[in-house]
Amino acid sequence: MELNLNHLKYFISAAKAGGLGASAKAHNVSQSAISQAIRKLEESLGCDLLIHSRNSFKLTKEGEYLVENSESIFKQIDFLKDQIQSLNSEVAGRVTLATSSTVAQFLLPSLLKDLKTRYPKIQLHVTIGDVAFIVGEVKSGRAELGIVIDDGHFAGLERKLLREGSFACITSAEIKASFKKPEFLVTRESPGVEELRQVYKKRFHSEPAIGVEVESWEAIVSMAQMGLGVGFIPEFILDYHSKVKVIPQLEELGKKIRYKMYVVHKGAHQLSRQADAFLEVLPEK
């Protein structure tokens, strides 16, 4: 005999209420209907779910296990109903996204424009932080999606490649300076100062001089523009700054350090339709 979901529903209701009477009242049926449903459920499962006695209502270990593990069935059914009913409706609602200030400033506007063109009723809520913050927001569920440059520390999350490239060593477009022993402006967050040290030492057989460590690529660009050192930044930022230039003598050095930027999330099965829509408008890589 196949398991009947109505029988299961009555059984869970009786187990939670602690008796047949309360369950019967909640479902507007007779006590005998609840009792009969539980007996049929026991037959279909081939085991006793209740310790049958005249004046008590107590679950067997099989009954306890069934209660603990079957509620998710009804939650999934409700979820499927909602999804099916919304298939023909317009995608709307809020998407929560965690990312860095650099991505929010330079890359997010074009993504948001594409999203709004296709799904005008979606609202984007953005929180800003470093890699640890972004990963924490996604893993905790406070953000459905995160955009982050890979530092090797977001295990357990699914990811979609957004873009990849190399780093660049930059200075002000208006100054001419000697770069025999430059002072670098870098982030500590990876890719950053450690990767630069490894590549620089291999190329020049000496340690690079670090002028400033600051966790902001925008700040690095501003400092480089003022001639305060050699900025070490992902190359995509150059598309948005005309007042800085790549230093020819250090161009190959920057190209040896690569980055990959991903959209991360906890799994496609946990995403809202709005978050799915955001992933859908991302450029294919």
C-alpha atoms as a PDB file:
ATOM      1  CA  MET A   1       0.000   0.000   0.000  1.00  0.00           C
ATOM      2  CA  GLU A   2       1.360   3.426  -0.951  1.00  0.00           C
ATOM      3  CA  LEU A   3       1.832   6.100   1.688  1.00  0.00           C
ATOM      4  CA  ASN A   4      -1.064   8.571   1.767  1.00  0.00           C
ATOM      5  CA  LEU A   5      -0.086  12.171   2.498  1.00  0.00           C
ATOM      6  CA  ASN A   6      -3.411  12.936   4.189  1.00  0.00           C
ATOM      7  CA  HIS A   7      -2.896  10.008   6.551  1.00  0.00           C
ATOM      8  CA  LEU A   8       0.595  11.298   7.288  1.00  0.00           C
ATOM      9  CA  LYS A   9      -0.741  14.811   7.890  1.00  0.00           C
ATOM     10  CA  TYR A  10      -3.315  13.546  10.403  1.00  0.00           C
ATOM     11  CA  PHE A  11      -0.697  11.464  12.208  1.00  0.00           C
ATOM     12  CA  ILE A  12       1.737  14.396  12.564  1.00  0.00           C
ATOM     13  CA  SER A  13      -1.093  16.626  13.747  1.00  0.00           C
ATOM     14  CA  ALA A  14      -2.158  14.085  16.397  1.00  0.00           C
ATOM     15  CA  ALA A  15       1.439  13.559  17.519  1.00  0.00           C
ATOM     16  CA  LYS A  16       1.985  17.306  17.940  1.00  0.00           C
ATOM     17  CA  ALA A  17      -1.357  17.804  19.685  1.00  0.00           C
ATOM     18  CA  GLY A  18      -0.769  14.814  21.966  1.00  0.00           C
ATOM     19  CA  GLY A  19      -4.027  13.079  21.110  1.00  0.00           C
ATOM     20  CA  LEU A  20      -6.698  12.266  18.557  1.00  0.00           C
ATOM     21  CA  GLY A  21      -9.306  14.716  19.844  1.00  0.00           C
ATOM     22  CA  ALA A  22      -7.293  17.896  19.328  1.00  0.00           C
ATOM     23  CA  SER A  23      -6.218  16.747  15.868  1.00  0.00           C
ATOM     24  CA  ALA A  24      -9.803  15.914  14.893  1.00  0.00           C
ATOM     25  CA  LYS A  25     -10.950  19.358  16.019  1.00  0.00           C
ATOM     26  CA  ALA A  26      -8.122  21.098  14.107  1.00  0.00           C
ATOM     27  CA  HIS A  27      -9.045  19.317  10.874  1.00  0.00           C
ATOM     28  CA  ASN A  28     -12.816  19.380  11.439  1.00  0.00           C
ATOM     29  CA  VAL A  29     -13.163  15.593  11.207  1.00  0.00           C
ATOM     30  CA  SER A  30     -14.168  12.878  13.657  1.00  0.00           C
ATOM     31  CA  GLN A  31     -11.759  11.152  16.041  1.00  0.00           C
ATOM     32  CA  SER A  32     -12.482   7.882  14.284  1.00  0.00           C
ATOM     33  CA  ALA A  33     -11.329   9.416  10.977  1.00  0.00           C
ATOM     34  CA  ILE A  34      -7.980  10.347  12.585  1.00  0.00           C
ATOM     35  CA  SER A  35      -7.677   6.909  14.180  1.00  0.00           C
ATOM     36  CA  GLN A  36      -8.479   5.152  10.905  1.00  0.00           C
ATOM     37  CA  ALA A  37      -5.944   7.299   9.014  1.00  0.00           C
ATOM     38  CA  ILE A  38      -3.202   6.365  11.496  1.00  0.00           C
ATOM     39  CA  ARG A  39      -4.043   2.658  11.230  1.00  0.00           C
ATOM     40  CA  LYS A  40      -3.836   2.828   7.432  1.00  0.00           C
ATOM     41  CA  LEU A  41      -0.533   4.695   7.686  1.00  0.00           C
ATOM     42  CA  GLU A  42       0.811   1.940   9.943  1.00  0.00           C
ATOM     43  CA  GLU A  43      -0.307  -0.659   7.407  1.00  0.00           C
ATOM     44  CA  SER A  44       1.406   1.145   4.537  1.00  0.00           C
ATOM     45  CA  LEU A  45       4.663   1.451   6.523  1.00  0.00           C
ATOM     46  CA  GLY A  46       4.477  -2.034   8.028  1.00  0.00           C
ATOM     47  CA  CYS A  47       5.070  -0.930  11.627  1.00  0.00           C
ATOM     48  CA  ASP A  48       3.301   0.459  14.689  1.00  0.00           C
ATOM     49  CA  LEU A  49       3.530   4.209  15.087  1.00  0.00           C
ATOM     50  CA  LEU A  50       1.643   4.348  18.392  1.00  0.00           C
ATOM     51  CA  ILE A  51       1.769   2.274  21.552  1.00  0.00           C
ATOM     52  CA  HIS A  52      -1.882   1.323  21.450  1.00  0.00           C
ATOM     53  CA  SER A  53      -3.596   1.560  24.830  1.00  0.00           C
ATOM     54  CA  ARG A  54      -6.998   2.788  25.953  1.00  0.00           C
ATOM     55  CA  ASN A  55      -6.041   5.873  27.941  1.00  0.00           C
ATOM     56  CA  SER A  56      -2.709   7.082  26.536  1.00  0.00           C
ATOM     57  CA  PHE A  57      -1.240   8.458  23.338  1.00  0.00           C
ATOM     58  CA  LYS A  58       2.425   7.564  23.039  1.00  0.00           C
ATOM     59  CA  LEU A  59       4.626   7.225  19.978  1.00  0.00           C
ATOM     60  CA  THR A  60       6.817   4.250  19.225  1.00  0.00           C
ATOM     61  CA  LYS A  61      10.415   4.916  18.192  1.00  0.00           C
ATOM     62  CA  GLU A  62       9.251   4.517  14.576  1.00  0.00           C
ATOM     63  CA  GLY A  63       6.517   7.073  15.202  1.00  0.00           C
ATOM     64  CA  GLU A  64       8.983   9.540  16.728  1.00  0.00           C
ATOM     65  CA  TYR A  65      11.328   9.108  13.778  1.00  0.00           C
ATOM     66  CA  LEU A  66       8.498   9.692  11.307  1.00  0.00           C
ATOM     67  CA  VAL A  67       7.422  12.916  13.025  1.00  0.00           C
ATOM     68  CA  GLU A  68      10.997  14.250  13.152  1.00  0.00           C
ATOM     69  CA  ASN A  69      11.712  13.556   9.503  1.00  0.00           C
ATOM     70  CA  SER A  70       8.467  14.095   7.618  1.00  0.00           C
ATOM     71  CA  GLU A  71       7.662  17.763   8.261  1.00  0.00           C
ATOM     72  CA  SER A  72      10.108  18.748   5.534  1.00  0.00           C
ATOM     73  CA  ILE A  73       7.916  16.841   3.063  1.00  0.00           C
ATOM     74  CA  PHE A  74       5.034  19.264   3.587  1.00  0.00           C
ATOM     75  CA  LYS A  75       7.359  22.270   3.516  1.00  0.00           C
ATOM     76  CA  GLN A  76       8.681  21.086   0.165  1.00  0.00           C
ATOM     77  CA  ILE A  77       5.143  20.564  -1.133  1.00  0.00           C
ATOM     78  CA  ASP A  78       4.218  24.126  -0.089  1.00  0.00           C
ATOM     79  CA  PHE A  79       7.391  25.406  -1.774  1.00  0.00           C
ATOM     80  CA  LEU A  80       6.527  23.561  -4.996  1.00  0.00           C
ATOM     81  CA  LYS A  81       2.993  24.963  -4.947  1.00  0.00           C
ATOM     82  CA  ASP A  82       4.340  28.502  -4.589  1.00  0.00           C
ATOM     83  CA  GLN A  83       6.882  27.978  -7.359  1.00  0.00           C
ATOM     84  CA  ILE A  84       4.319  26.500  -9.752  1.00  0.00           C
ATOM     85  CA  GLN A  85       1.840  29.296  -9.049  1.00  0.00           C
ATOM     86  CA  SER A  86       4.538  31.893  -9.697  1.00  0.00           C
ATOM     87  CA  LEU A  87       5.738  30.412 -12.990  1.00  0.00           C
ATOM     88  CA  ASN A  88       3.422  32.628 -14.980  1.00  0.00           C
ATOM     89  CA  SER A  89       3.874  35.681 -12.786  1.00  0.00           C
ATOM     90  CA  GLU A  90       6.490  38.383 -13.183  1.00  0.00           C
ATOM     91  CA  VAL A  91       9.688  37.939 -11.198  1.00  0.00           C
ATOM     92  CA  ALA A  92       9.701  40.510  -8.402  1.00  0.00           C
ATOM     93  CA  GLY A  93      11.147  41.050  -4.949  1.00  0.00           C
ATOM     94  CA  ARG A  94      14.472  41.667  -3.268  1.00  0.00           C
ATOM     95  CA  VAL A  95      17.858  40.086  -3.964  1.00  0.00           C
ATOM     96  CA  THR A  96      20.433  40.371  -1.186  1.00  0.00           C
ATOM     97  CA  LEU A  97      24.038  40.635  -2.387  1.00  0.00           C
ATOM     98  CA  ALA A  98      27.323  41.008  -0.497  1.00  0.00           C
ATOM     99  CA  THR A  99      30.398  42.300  -2.291  1.00  0.00           C
ATOM    100  CA  SER A 100      33.392  44.644  -2.084  1.00  0.00           C
ATOM    101  CA  SER A 101      33.254  48.404  -2.545  1.00  0.00           C
ATOM    102  CA  THR A 102      35.347  48.062  -5.727  1.00  0.00           C
ATOM    103  CA  VAL A 103      32.888  45.667  -7.350  1.00  0.00           C
ATOM    104  CA  ALA A 104      29.941  47.781  -6.201  1.00  0.00           C
ATOM    105  CA  GLN A 105      31.503  50.906  -7.685  1.00  0.00           C
ATOM    106  CA  PHE A 106      32.864  49.619 -10.984  1.00  0.00           C
ATOM    107  CA  LEU A 107      31.189  46.346 -12.024  1.00  0.00           C
ATOM    108  CA  LEU A 108      27.808  46.259 -10.323  1.00  0.00           C
ATOM    109  CA  PRO A 109      26.174  49.212 -12.149  1.00  0.00           C
ATOM    110  CA  SER A 110      26.285  47.490 -15.556  1.00  0.00           C
ATOM    111  CA  LEU A 111      25.018  44.218 -14.044  1.00  0.00           C
ATOM    112  CA  LEU A 112      22.197  46.078 -12.333  1.00  0.00           C
ATOM    113  CA  LYS A 113      21.280  47.828 -15.581  1.00  0.00           C
ATOM    114  CA  ASP A 114      20.971  44.464 -17.358  1.00  0.00           C
ATOM    115  CA  LEU A 115      18.952  43.067 -14.454  1.00  0.00           C
ATOM    116  CA  LYS A 116      16.539  46.015 -14.402  1.00  0.00           C
ATOM    117  CA  THR A 117      16.089  45.877 -18.174  1.00  0.00           C
ATOM    118  CA  ARG A 118      14.884  42.281 -18.017  1.00  0.00           C
ATOM    119  CA  TYR A 119      13.350  42.226 -14.527  1.00  0.00           C
ATOM    120  CA  PRO A 120      12.248  45.767 -13.591  1.00  0.00           C
ATOM    121  CA  LYS A 121      10.446  44.683 -10.403  1.00  0.00           C
ATOM    122  CA  ILE A 122      13.535  43.196  -8.754  1.00  0.00           C
ATOM    123  CA  GLN A 123      15.200  45.291  -6.042  1.00  0.00           C
ATOM    124  CA  LEU A 124      18.860  44.774  -5.162  1.00  0.00           C
ATOM    125  CA  HIS A 125      20.031  45.137  -1.554  1.00  0.00           C
ATOM    126  CA  VAL A 126      23.839  45.373  -1.342  1.00  0.00           C
ATOM    127  CA  THR A 127      26.118  45.076   1.683  1.00  0.00           C
ATOM    128  CA  ILE A 128      29.823  45.952   1.477  1.00  0.00           C
ATOM    129  CA  GLY A 129      32.802  44.249   3.097  1.00  0.00           C
ATOM    130  CA  ASP A 130      35.974  42.235   2.666  1.00  0.00           C
ATOM    131  CA  VAL A 131      36.183  38.604   1.526  1.00  0.00           C
ATOM    132  CA  ALA A 132      35.618  37.164   5.012  1.00  0.00           C
ATOM    133  CA  PHE A 133      32.541  39.368   5.463  1.00  0.00           C
ATOM    134  CA  ILE A 134      31.105  38.437   2.059  1.00  0.00           C
ATOM    135  CA  VAL A 135      31.575  34.695   2.598  1.00  0.00           C
ATOM    136  CA  GLY A 136      30.111  34.958   6.095  1.00  0.00           C
ATOM    137  CA  GLU A 137      27.035  36.812   4.823  1.00  0.00           C
ATOM    138  CA  VAL A 138      26.353  34.131   2.204  1.00  0.00           C
ATOM    139  CA  LYS A 139      26.999  31.150   4.494  1.00  0.00           C
ATOM    140  CA  SER A 140      24.744  32.620   7.195  1.00  0.00           C
ATOM    141  CA  GLY A 141      21.945  33.262   4.701  1.00  0.00           C
ATOM    142  CA  ARG A 142      21.920  37.018   5.302  1.00  0.00           C
ATOM    143  CA  ALA A 143      22.891  37.395   1.638  1.00  0.00           C
ATOM    144  CA  GLU A 144      21.712  35.038  -1.092  1.00  0.00           C
ATOM    145  CA  LEU A 145      24.611  35.939  -3.365  1.00  0.00           C
ATOM    146  CA  GLY A 146      28.158  37.206  -3.013  1.00  0.00           C
ATOM    147  CA  ILE A 147      30.606  38.584  -5.579  1.00  0.00           C
ATOM    148  CA  VAL A 148      34.166  37.953  -4.502  1.00  0.00           C
ATOM    149  CA  ILE A 149      37.686  37.516  -5.837  1.00  0.00           C
ATOM    150  CA  ASP A 150      38.902  34.001  -5.063  1.00  0.00           C
ATOM    151  CA  ASP A 151      41.286  33.815  -2.125  1.00  0.00           C
ATOM    152  CA  GLY A 152      40.796  30.079  -1.613  1.00  0.00           C
ATOM    153  CA  HIS A 153      38.555  30.484   1.438  1.00  0.00           C
ATOM    154  CA  PHE A 154      34.987  29.923   0.281  1.00  0.00           C
ATOM    155  CA  ALA A 155      34.779  26.137   0.429  1.00  0.00           C
ATOM    156  CA  GLY A 156      31.238  24.835   0.786  1.00  0.00           C
ATOM    157  CA  LEU A 157      29.729  27.434  -1.528  1.00  0.00           C
ATOM    158  CA  GLU A 158      28.715  26.969  -5.139  1.00  0.00           C
ATOM    159  CA  ARG A 159      30.236  29.460  -7.548  1.00  0.00           C
ATOM    160  CA  LYS A 160      29.907  30.876 -11.033  1.00  0.00           C
ATOM    161  CA  LEU A 161      32.837  32.570 -12.768  1.00  0.00           C
ATOM    162  CA  LEU A 162      32.112  36.240 -13.428  1.00  0.00           C
ATOM    163  CA  ARG A 163      35.468  37.344 -14.823  1.00  0.00           C
ATOM    164  CA  GLU A 164      39.191  36.613 -14.630  1.00  0.00           C
ATOM    165  CA  GLY A 165      42.322  38.552 -15.424  1.00  0.00           C
ATOM    166  CA  SER A 166      45.675  39.752 -14.151  1.00  0.00           C
ATOM    167  CA  PHE A 167      47.065  42.538 -11.991  1.00  0.00           C
ATOM    168  CA  ALA A 168      48.691  45.775 -13.097  1.00  0.00           C
ATOM    169  CA  CYS A 169      51.374  48.012 -11.616  1.00  0.00           C
ATOM    170  CA  ILE A 170      50.231  51.614 -12.054  1.00  0.00           C
ATOM    171  CA  THR A 171      51.291  55.193 -11.495  1.00  0.00           C
ATOM    172  CA  SER A 172      49.965  58.648 -12.342  1.00  0.00           C
ATOM    173  CA  ALA A 173      49.584  59.287 -16.061  1.00  0.00           C
ATOM    174  CA  GLU A 174      51.051  62.762 -15.524  1.00  0.00           C
ATOM    175  CA  ILE A 175      54.378  61.965 -13.871  1.00  0.00           C
ATOM    176  CA  LYS A 176      57.628  60.465 -15.034  1.00  0.00           C
ATOM    177  CA  ALA A 177      59.532  58.649 -12.320  1.00  0.00           C
ATOM    178  CA  SER A 178      62.281  56.094 -11.855  1.00  0.00           C
ATOM    179  CA  PHE A 179      61.124  52.601 -10.983  1.00  0.00           C
ATOM    180  CA  LYS A 180      64.442  51.015 -10.150  1.00  0.00           C
ATOM    181  CA  LYS A 181      63.226  50.355  -6.585  1.00  0.00           C
ATOM    182  CA  PRO A 182      59.552  51.360  -6.433  1.00  0.00           C
ATOM    183  CA  GLU A 183      57.456  51.505  -3.270  1.00  0.00           C
ATOM    184  CA  PHE A 184      54.281  49.506  -3.744  1.00  0.00           C
ATOM    185  CA  LEU A 185      50.754  50.326  -2.628  1.00  0.00           C
ATOM    186  CA  VAL A 186      49.066  46.987  -1.906  1.00  0.00           C
ATOM    187  CA  THR A 187      46.303  45.114  -0.108  1.00  0.00           C
ATOM    188  CA  ARG A 188      47.063  42.414   2.426  1.00  0.00           C
ATOM    189  CA  GLU A 189      43.973  40.502   1.330  1.00  0.00           C
ATOM    190  CA  SER A 190      44.803  37.882  -1.297  1.00  0.00           C
ATOM    191  CA  PRO A 191      45.698  38.345  -4.118  1.00  0.00           C
ATOM    192  CA  GLY A 192      47.887  41.087  -2.700  1.00  0.00           C
ATOM    193  CA  VAL A 193      51.159  41.690  -0.927  1.00  0.00           C
ATOM    194  CA  GLU A 194      52.173  38.027  -0.502  1.00  0.00           C
ATOM    195  CA  GLU A 195      51.701  37.196  -4.179  1.00  0.00           C
ATOM    196  CA  LEU A 196      53.561  40.366  -5.147  1.00  0.00           C
ATOM    197  CA  ARG A 197      56.476  39.450  -2.868  1.00  0.00           C
ATOM    198  CA  GLN A 198      56.801  35.986  -4.419  1.00  0.00           C
ATOM    199  CA  VAL A 199      56.758  37.194  -8.026  1.00  0.00           C
ATOM    200  CA  TYR A 200      58.951  40.253  -7.392  1.00  0.00           C
ATOM    201  CA  LYS A 201      61.596  38.242  -5.543  1.00  0.00           C
ATOM    202  CA  LYS A 202      61.711  35.650  -8.314  1.00  0.00           C
ATOM    203  CA  ARG A 203      62.083  38.373 -10.963  1.00  0.00           C
ATOM    204  CA  PHE A 204      64.438  40.822  -9.230  1.00  0.00           C
ATOM    205  CA  HIS A 205      66.057  38.599  -6.533  1.00  0.00           C
ATOM    206  CA  SER A 206      65.155  41.037  -3.788  1.00  0.00           C
ATOM    207  CA  GLU A 207      62.212  41.944  -1.565  1.00  0.00           C
ATOM    208  CA  PRO A 208      59.805  44.594  -2.880  1.00  0.00           C
ATOM    209  CA  ALA A 209      59.551  47.825  -0.918  1.00  0.00           C
ATOM    210  CA  ILE A 210      56.038  48.157   0.515  1.00  0.00           C
ATOM    211  CA  GLY A 211      55.011  51.770   0.969  1.00  0.00           C
ATOM    212  CA  VAL A 212      51.380  51.360   2.057  1.00  0.00           C
ATOM    213  CA  GLU A 213      49.093  48.437   2.875  1.00  0.00           C
ATOM    214  CA  VAL A 214      45.438  49.389   2.607  1.00  0.00           C
ATOM    215  CA  GLU A 215      42.378  47.202   2.051  1.00  0.00           C
ATOM    216  CA  SER A 216      40.937  49.379  -0.710  1.00  0.00           C
ATOM    217  CA  TRP A 217      41.832  49.333  -4.380  1.00  0.00           C
ATOM    218  CA  GLU A 218      40.119  52.685  -4.844  1.00  0.00           C
ATOM    219  CA  ALA A 219      42.439  54.182  -2.202  1.00  0.00           C
ATOM    220  CA  ILE A 220      45.428  52.601  -3.945  1.00  0.00           C
ATOM    221  CA  VAL A 221      44.418  54.216  -7.249  1.00  0.00           C
ATOM    222  CA  SER A 222      44.065  57.624  -5.568  1.00  0.00           C
ATOM    223  CA  MET A 223      47.481  57.311  -3.912  1.00  0.00           C
ATOM    224  CA  ALA A 224      49.151  56.177  -7.135  1.00  0.00           C
ATOM    225  CA  GLN A 225      47.525  59.078  -8.972  1.00  0.00           C
ATOM    226  CA  MET A 226      49.174  61.449  -6.485  1.00  0.00           C
ATOM    227  CA  GLY A 227      52.579  59.863  -7.072  1.00  0.00           C
ATOM    228  CA  LEU A 228      52.787  58.218  -3.644  1.00  0.00           C
ATOM    229  CA  GLY A 229      53.923  54.859  -5.005  1.00  0.00           C
ATOM    230  CA  VAL A 230      53.199  52.067  -7.467  1.00  0.00           C
ATOM    231  CA  GLY A 231      49.641  50.824  -7.204  1.00  0.00           C
ATOM    232  CA  PHE A 232      49.064  47.072  -7.428  1.00  0.00           C
ATOM    233  CA  ILE A 233      45.496  46.491  -8.629  1.00  0.00           C
ATOM    234  CA  PRO A 234      43.344  44.156 -10.782  1.00  0.00           C
ATOM    235  CA  GLU A 235      43.526  45.311 -14.387  1.00  0.00           C
ATOM    236  CA  PHE A 236      39.758  45.821 -14.801  1.00  0.00           C
ATOM    237  CA  ILE A 237      39.924  48.925 -12.595  1.00  0.00           C
ATOM    238  CA  LEU A 238      41.999  50.653 -15.301  1.00  0.00           C
ATOM    239  CA  ASP A 239      38.893  50.772 -17.515  1.00  0.00           C
ATOM    240  CA  TYR A 240      37.413  53.318 -15.094  1.00  0.00           C
ATOM    241  CA  HIS A 241      40.478  55.530 -14.468  1.00  0.00           C
ATOM    242  CA  SER A 242      42.086  57.613 -17.203  1.00  0.00           C
ATOM    243  CA  LYS A 243      44.523  59.413 -14.887  1.00  0.00           C
ATOM    244  CA  VAL A 244      46.682  56.369 -14.144  1.00  0.00           C
ATOM    245  CA  LYS A 245      48.795  54.213 -16.437  1.00  0.00           C
ATOM    246  CA  VAL A 246      50.531  50.846 -16.428  1.00  0.00           C
ATOM    247  CA  ILE A 247      54.277  51.051 -15.807  1.00  0.00           C
ATOM    248  CA  PRO A 248      55.940  49.387 -18.835  1.00  0.00           C
ATOM    249  CA  GLN A 249      58.935  48.089 -16.844  1.00  0.00           C
ATOM    250  CA  LEU A 250      56.579  46.272 -14.435  1.00  0.00           C
ATOM    251  CA  GLU A 251      53.887  45.165 -16.901  1.00  0.00           C
ATOM    252  CA  GLU A 252      55.060  41.540 -17.096  1.00  0.00           C
ATOM    253  CA  LEU A 253      55.342  41.390 -13.315  1.00  0.00           C
ATOM    254  CA  GLY A 254      51.664  42.253 -12.930  1.00  0.00           C
ATOM    255  CA  LYS A 255      50.572  39.786 -15.590  1.00  0.00           C
ATOM    256  CA  LYS A 256      52.085  36.896 -13.646  1.00  0.00           C
ATOM    257  CA  ILE A 257      49.546  37.365 -10.857  1.00  0.00           C
ATOM    258  CA  ARG A 258      46.050  36.236 -11.823  1.00  0.00           C
ATOM    259  CA  TYR A 259      42.652  36.650 -10.219  1.00  0.00           C
ATOM    260  CA  LYS A 260      39.271  34.988 -10.628  1.00  0.00           C
ATOM    261  CA  MET A 261      36.057  36.686  -9.603  1.00  0.00           C
ATOM    262  CA  TYR A 262      33.037  34.549  -8.729  1.00  0.00           C
ATOM    263  CA  VAL A 263      29.408  34.868  -7.803  1.00  0.00           C
ATOM    264  CA  VAL A 264      28.961  32.529  -4.825  1.00  0.00           C
ATOM    265  CA  HIS A 265      25.857  31.081  -3.168  1.00  0.00           C
ATOM    266  CA  LYS A 266      24.755  28.169  -0.960  1.00  0.00           C
ATOM    267  CA  GLY A 267      23.221  26.146  -3.784  1.00  0.00           C
ATOM    268  CA  ALA A 268      20.809  26.638  -6.656  1.00  0.00           C
ATOM    269  CA  HIS A 269      18.054  24.717  -4.838  1.00  0.00           C
ATOM    270  CA  GLN A 270      18.070  27.370  -2.081  1.00  0.00           C
ATOM    271  CA  LEU A 271      17.874  30.438  -4.312  1.00  0.00           C
ATOM    272  CA  SER A 272      14.816  32.616  -4.790  1.00  0.00           C
ATOM    273  CA  ARG A 273      13.497  33.333  -8.273  1.00  0.00           C
ATOM    274  CA  GLN A 274      14.988  36.817  -7.981  1.00  0.00           C
ATOM    275  CA  ALA A 275      18.462  35.437  -7.269  1.00  0.00           C
ATOM    276  CA  ASP A 276      18.093  32.973 -10.154  1.00  0.00           C
ATOM    277  CA  ALA A 277      17.210  35.918 -12.383  1.00  0.00           C
ATOM    278  CA  PHE A 278      20.366  37.761 -11.283  1.00  0.00           C
ATOM    279  CA  LEU A 279      22.516  34.742 -12.182  1.00  0.00           C
ATOM    280  CA  GLU A 280      20.714  34.464 -15.503  1.00  0.00           C
ATOM    281  CA  VAL A 281      21.739  37.957 -16.646  1.00  0.00           C
ATOM    282  CA  LEU A 282      25.423  37.449 -15.856  1.00  0.00           C
ATOM    283  CA  PRO A 283      27.698  37.223 -18.900  1.00  0.00           C
ATOM    284  CA  GLU A 284      28.658  33.671 -19.849  1.00  0.00           C
ATOM    285  CA  LYS A 285      32.262  32.676 -19.171  1.00  0.00           C
END
